[in-house]
N, C-alpha and C. Protein backbone atom coordinates (compact mmCIF):
# COMPACT_ATOMS: atom_id res chain seq x y z
N UNK A 1 -70.19 -52.83 40.14
CA UNK A 1 -71.57 -54.12 39.72
C UNK A 1 -72.50 -52.82 40.52
N UNK A 2 -73.49 -52.63 39.50
CA UNK A 2 -74.81 -51.30 39.38
C UNK A 2 -76.03 -51.82 40.60
N UNK A 3 -76.39 -51.31 41.15
CA UNK A 3 -77.11 -51.56 42.51
C UNK A 3 -78.56 -51.52 42.04
N UNK A 4 -79.21 -52.15 42.17
CA UNK A 4 -80.86 -52.05 41.80
C UNK A 4 -81.50 -50.96 42.06
N UNK A 5 -82.44 -50.57 41.26
CA UNK A 5 -83.74 -49.11 42.33
C UNK A 5 -84.69 -50.02 42.31
N UNK A 6 -85.20 -49.96 43.88
CA UNK A 6 -86.34 -50.15 44.04
C UNK A 6 -87.21 -49.68 44.46
N UNK A 7 -88.24 -49.41 44.42
CA UNK A 7 -89.39 -48.96 44.69
C UNK A 7 -90.41 -49.37 45.82
N UNK A 8 -90.29 -48.88 46.26
CA UNK A 8 -91.09 -48.88 47.93
C UNK A 8 -92.09 -48.47 47.82
N UNK A 9 -93.50 -49.23 47.81
CA UNK A 9 -94.89 -49.32 47.83
C UNK A 9 -95.33 -49.93 49.31
N UNK A 10 -96.03 -48.47 49.75
CA UNK A 10 -96.86 -48.53 51.14
C UNK A 10 -98.30 -49.51 50.87
N UNK A 11 -98.82 -50.28 51.55
CA UNK A 11 -100.03 -50.85 50.93
C UNK A 11 -101.21 -50.50 52.35
N UNK A 12 -100.31 -49.70 53.85
CA UNK A 12 -101.70 -49.37 54.65
C UNK A 12 -101.80 -49.90 55.69
N UNK A 13 -100.85 -51.30 55.76
CA UNK A 13 -100.81 -52.24 56.80
C UNK A 13 -100.11 -51.85 58.02
N UNK A 14 -100.68 -51.84 58.91
CA UNK A 14 -100.00 -51.98 60.10
C UNK A 14 -99.59 -52.77 60.82
N UNK A 15 -97.77 -53.05 60.72
CA UNK A 15 -96.62 -54.09 61.87
C UNK A 15 -96.89 -54.51 63.19
N UNK A 16 -96.13 -52.69 63.53
CA UNK A 16 -96.41 -52.53 64.96
C UNK A 16 -97.44 -51.60 65.48
N UNK A 17 -98.31 -51.39 65.83
CA UNK A 17 -99.09 -50.46 66.64
C UNK A 17 -98.62 -49.49 67.34
N UNK A 18 -98.07 -47.98 67.27
CA UNK A 18 -97.25 -47.15 68.07
C UNK A 18 -98.31 -46.59 69.15
N UNK A 19 -99.23 -46.55 68.60
CA UNK A 19 -100.24 -45.84 69.41
C UNK A 19 -100.16 -46.75 70.83
N UNK A 20 -99.43 -46.29 71.92
CA UNK A 20 -99.59 -46.71 73.34
C UNK A 20 -99.96 -45.71 74.29
N UNK A 21 -100.96 -45.85 74.88
CA UNK A 21 -101.11 -44.69 76.10
C UNK A 21 -99.81 -44.69 76.86
N UNK A 22 -100.53 -43.06 77.02
CA UNK A 22 -99.03 -42.94 77.82
C UNK A 22 -98.03 -41.74 76.71
N UNK A 23 -97.75 -42.22 75.74
CA UNK A 23 -97.15 -41.40 74.64
C UNK A 23 -98.10 -40.08 74.45
N UNK A 24 -96.79 -39.18 73.90
CA UNK A 24 -97.55 -37.55 73.56
C UNK A 24 -98.32 -38.23 72.32
N UNK A 25 -97.81 -39.11 70.81
CA UNK A 25 -98.30 -38.83 70.15
C UNK A 25 -100.09 -40.19 70.22
N UNK A 26 -99.92 -40.20 71.67
CA UNK A 26 -101.64 -40.97 71.65
C UNK A 26 -102.55 -40.21 71.35
N UNK A 27 -103.63 -41.31 70.67
CA UNK A 27 -104.88 -40.90 70.29
C UNK A 27 -105.74 -42.10 70.48
N UNK A 28 -106.86 -41.85 71.60
CA UNK A 28 -107.70 -43.22 71.72
C UNK A 28 -108.03 -43.54 70.85
N UNK A 29 -109.26 -42.38 69.67
CA UNK A 29 -109.99 -42.89 68.77
C UNK A 29 -109.20 -43.44 67.90
N UNK A 30 -107.91 -43.47 67.45
CA UNK A 30 -107.52 -44.75 66.24
C UNK A 30 -107.19 -45.59 67.03
N UNK A 31 -107.45 -46.40 67.99
CA UNK A 31 -107.50 -47.76 69.35
C UNK A 31 -108.62 -48.42 68.56
N UNK A 32 -110.22 -47.65 67.79
CA UNK A 32 -111.38 -48.52 68.22
C UNK A 32 -111.31 -48.70 66.48
N UNK A 33 -110.29 -48.37 65.84
CA UNK A 33 -109.82 -49.22 64.26
C UNK A 33 -109.26 -50.71 64.47
N UNK A 34 -108.54 -50.20 65.12
CA UNK A 34 -107.54 -51.83 65.39
C UNK A 34 -108.17 -53.29 66.32
N UNK A 35 -108.65 -53.89 65.19
CA UNK A 35 -109.36 -55.32 65.52
C UNK A 35 -108.44 -56.00 67.27
N UNK A 36 -109.45 -56.24 67.78
CA UNK A 36 -108.61 -56.81 69.39
C UNK A 36 -108.43 -58.03 68.86
N UNK A 37 -107.64 -58.93 69.94
CA UNK A 37 -107.24 -60.42 69.64
C UNK A 37 -108.38 -60.92 70.38
N UNK A 38 -108.23 -62.68 69.96
CA UNK A 38 -109.35 -62.44 70.50
C UNK A 38 -108.80 -63.19 71.91
N UNK A 39 -109.82 -63.18 72.70
CA UNK A 39 -110.02 -63.27 73.92
C UNK A 39 -110.06 -65.12 74.36
N UNK A 40 -108.99 -65.85 74.42
CA UNK A 40 -109.17 -67.63 74.15
C UNK A 40 -108.83 -67.40 76.02
N UNK A 41 -109.18 -68.82 76.66
CA UNK A 41 -109.39 -68.58 78.01
C UNK A 41 -109.17 -70.24 77.98
N UNK A 42 -108.24 -70.70 78.32
CA UNK A 42 -107.99 -72.54 77.85
C UNK A 42 -109.04 -73.22 79.12
N UNK A 43 -109.25 -74.41 78.93
CA UNK A 43 -110.27 -75.26 80.07
C UNK A 43 -109.01 -75.49 81.28
N UNK A 44 -109.27 -75.97 81.86
CA UNK A 44 -108.74 -76.52 83.18
C UNK A 44 -107.79 -77.90 82.92
N UNK A 45 -107.56 -78.74 81.88
CA UNK A 45 -107.00 -79.89 81.63
C UNK A 45 -106.13 -78.82 80.55
N UNK A 46 -106.15 -77.52 79.97
CA UNK A 46 -104.76 -77.34 79.06
C UNK A 46 -104.77 -76.34 80.43
N UNK A 47 -105.10 -75.39 80.89
CA UNK A 47 -104.31 -75.14 81.92
C UNK A 47 -103.47 -75.60 82.91
N UNK A 48 -103.61 -77.16 83.11
CA UNK A 48 -102.67 -78.34 83.94
C UNK A 48 -102.07 -78.73 82.94
N UNK A 49 -101.77 -78.74 81.53
CA UNK A 49 -100.75 -79.26 81.21
C UNK A 49 -99.87 -78.49 81.10
N UNK A 50 -100.18 -77.11 80.76
CA UNK A 50 -99.34 -75.55 80.70
C UNK A 50 -98.56 -75.67 82.19
N UNK A 51 -98.90 -75.76 83.32
CA UNK A 51 -98.25 -75.71 84.70
C UNK A 51 -97.24 -76.45 84.60
N UNK A 52 -97.85 -78.00 83.97
CA UNK A 52 -96.95 -78.95 83.89
C UNK A 52 -95.55 -78.80 82.99
N UNK A 53 -95.86 -78.40 81.84
CA UNK A 53 -94.95 -77.73 81.37
C UNK A 53 -94.00 -76.98 81.74
N UNK A 54 -94.56 -75.74 82.12
CA UNK A 54 -93.86 -75.09 82.98
C UNK A 54 -92.67 -75.15 84.06
N UNK A 55 -93.26 -76.73 85.03
CA UNK A 55 -93.29 -77.33 86.55
C UNK A 55 -91.62 -78.31 85.70
N UNK A 56 -91.51 -78.76 84.47
CA UNK A 56 -90.72 -79.45 83.79
C UNK A 56 -89.34 -78.49 83.06
N UNK A 57 -89.91 -77.26 82.88
CA UNK A 57 -89.01 -76.27 82.72
C UNK A 57 -87.91 -76.07 83.56
N UNK A 58 -88.90 -76.26 84.57
CA UNK A 58 -87.86 -75.20 85.64
C UNK A 58 -87.08 -76.33 85.99
N UNK A 59 -87.64 -77.81 86.37
CA UNK A 59 -87.13 -78.23 86.74
C UNK A 59 -85.85 -78.60 86.33
N UNK A 60 -85.81 -78.38 84.92
CA UNK A 60 -84.99 -79.27 83.97
C UNK A 60 -83.08 -77.84 84.32
N UNK A 61 -83.66 -76.75 84.15
CA UNK A 61 -83.43 -75.58 85.22
C UNK A 61 -82.30 -76.05 86.07
N UNK A 62 -83.16 -75.96 87.22
CA UNK A 62 -82.85 -76.20 88.16
C UNK A 62 -81.94 -77.54 88.80
N UNK A 63 -82.08 -78.71 87.62
CA UNK A 63 -81.02 -79.64 87.77
C UNK A 63 -79.77 -79.35 87.20
N UNK A 64 -79.71 -78.31 85.70
CA UNK A 64 -78.30 -78.48 85.61
C UNK A 64 -77.60 -77.80 86.41
N UNK A 65 -78.38 -76.70 87.19
CA UNK A 65 -77.61 -75.53 88.56
C UNK A 65 -76.79 -77.07 89.33
N UNK A 66 -77.75 -77.39 89.59
CA UNK A 66 -77.47 -78.26 90.55
C UNK A 66 -76.57 -79.85 90.52
N UNK A 67 -76.99 -79.74 89.15
CA UNK A 67 -74.95 -80.94 88.68
C UNK A 67 -73.81 -79.95 88.68
N UNK A 68 -74.32 -79.00 88.30
CA UNK A 68 -72.69 -78.00 88.31
C UNK A 68 -72.62 -77.38 89.26
N UNK A 69 -73.10 -77.82 90.68
CA UNK A 69 -72.60 -76.85 91.24
C UNK A 69 -71.70 -78.14 92.19
N UNK A 70 -72.60 -79.07 92.47
CA UNK A 70 -72.63 -80.45 92.64
C UNK A 70 -70.76 -81.24 92.01
N UNK A 71 -70.55 -80.73 90.58
CA UNK A 71 -69.68 -81.12 90.08
C UNK A 71 -68.04 -80.47 90.37
N UNK A 72 -68.43 -78.82 90.77
CA UNK A 72 -67.62 -77.81 91.44
C UNK A 72 -66.98 -78.01 92.41
N UNK A 73 -67.80 -78.52 93.16
CA UNK A 73 -67.81 -78.97 94.67
C UNK A 73 -66.75 -80.01 94.75
N UNK A 74 -67.24 -81.09 93.72
CA UNK A 74 -66.10 -82.64 94.28
C UNK A 74 -65.10 -81.86 93.17
N UNK A 75 -65.05 -81.46 92.47
CA UNK A 75 -63.61 -80.88 91.33
C UNK A 75 -62.92 -80.19 92.36
N UNK A 76 -63.22 -79.17 93.49
CA UNK A 76 -62.61 -78.69 94.53
C UNK A 76 -61.91 -79.04 95.43
N UNK A 77 -62.87 -80.26 96.07
CA UNK A 77 -62.50 -81.16 97.03
C UNK A 77 -61.37 -82.56 96.69
N UNK A 78 -61.67 -82.99 95.46
CA UNK A 78 -60.95 -84.07 95.00
C UNK A 78 -59.51 -83.65 94.44
N UNK A 79 -59.51 -82.53 93.47
CA UNK A 79 -58.36 -82.21 92.55
C UNK A 79 -57.80 -80.87 93.28
N UNK A 80 -58.66 -79.63 93.33
CA UNK A 80 -58.27 -78.64 93.38
C UNK A 80 -57.40 -78.43 94.75
N UNK A 81 -58.06 -78.81 96.15
CA UNK A 81 -57.78 -78.89 97.05
C UNK A 81 -56.80 -79.80 97.72
N UNK A 82 -56.69 -80.62 97.01
CA UNK A 82 -56.07 -81.55 97.26
C UNK A 82 -54.22 -81.25 98.18
């Protein structure tokens, strides 16, 4: 089977900016060309909704751990250590 020959064309877009402060190749003047991300600040209602979602996810994980630990204790008491 013959391999297809592909040609790579560089269009100049930056996928991941590697100009990081602290690296030997860092040039601060190049950072001025990169557009900054928008600084969106959520309002109080959105912040409360975000914190509620985080709390629900944390309680779900904690509940799973509590159920697993309780199941292990019950298994140990009634089956394993009998």
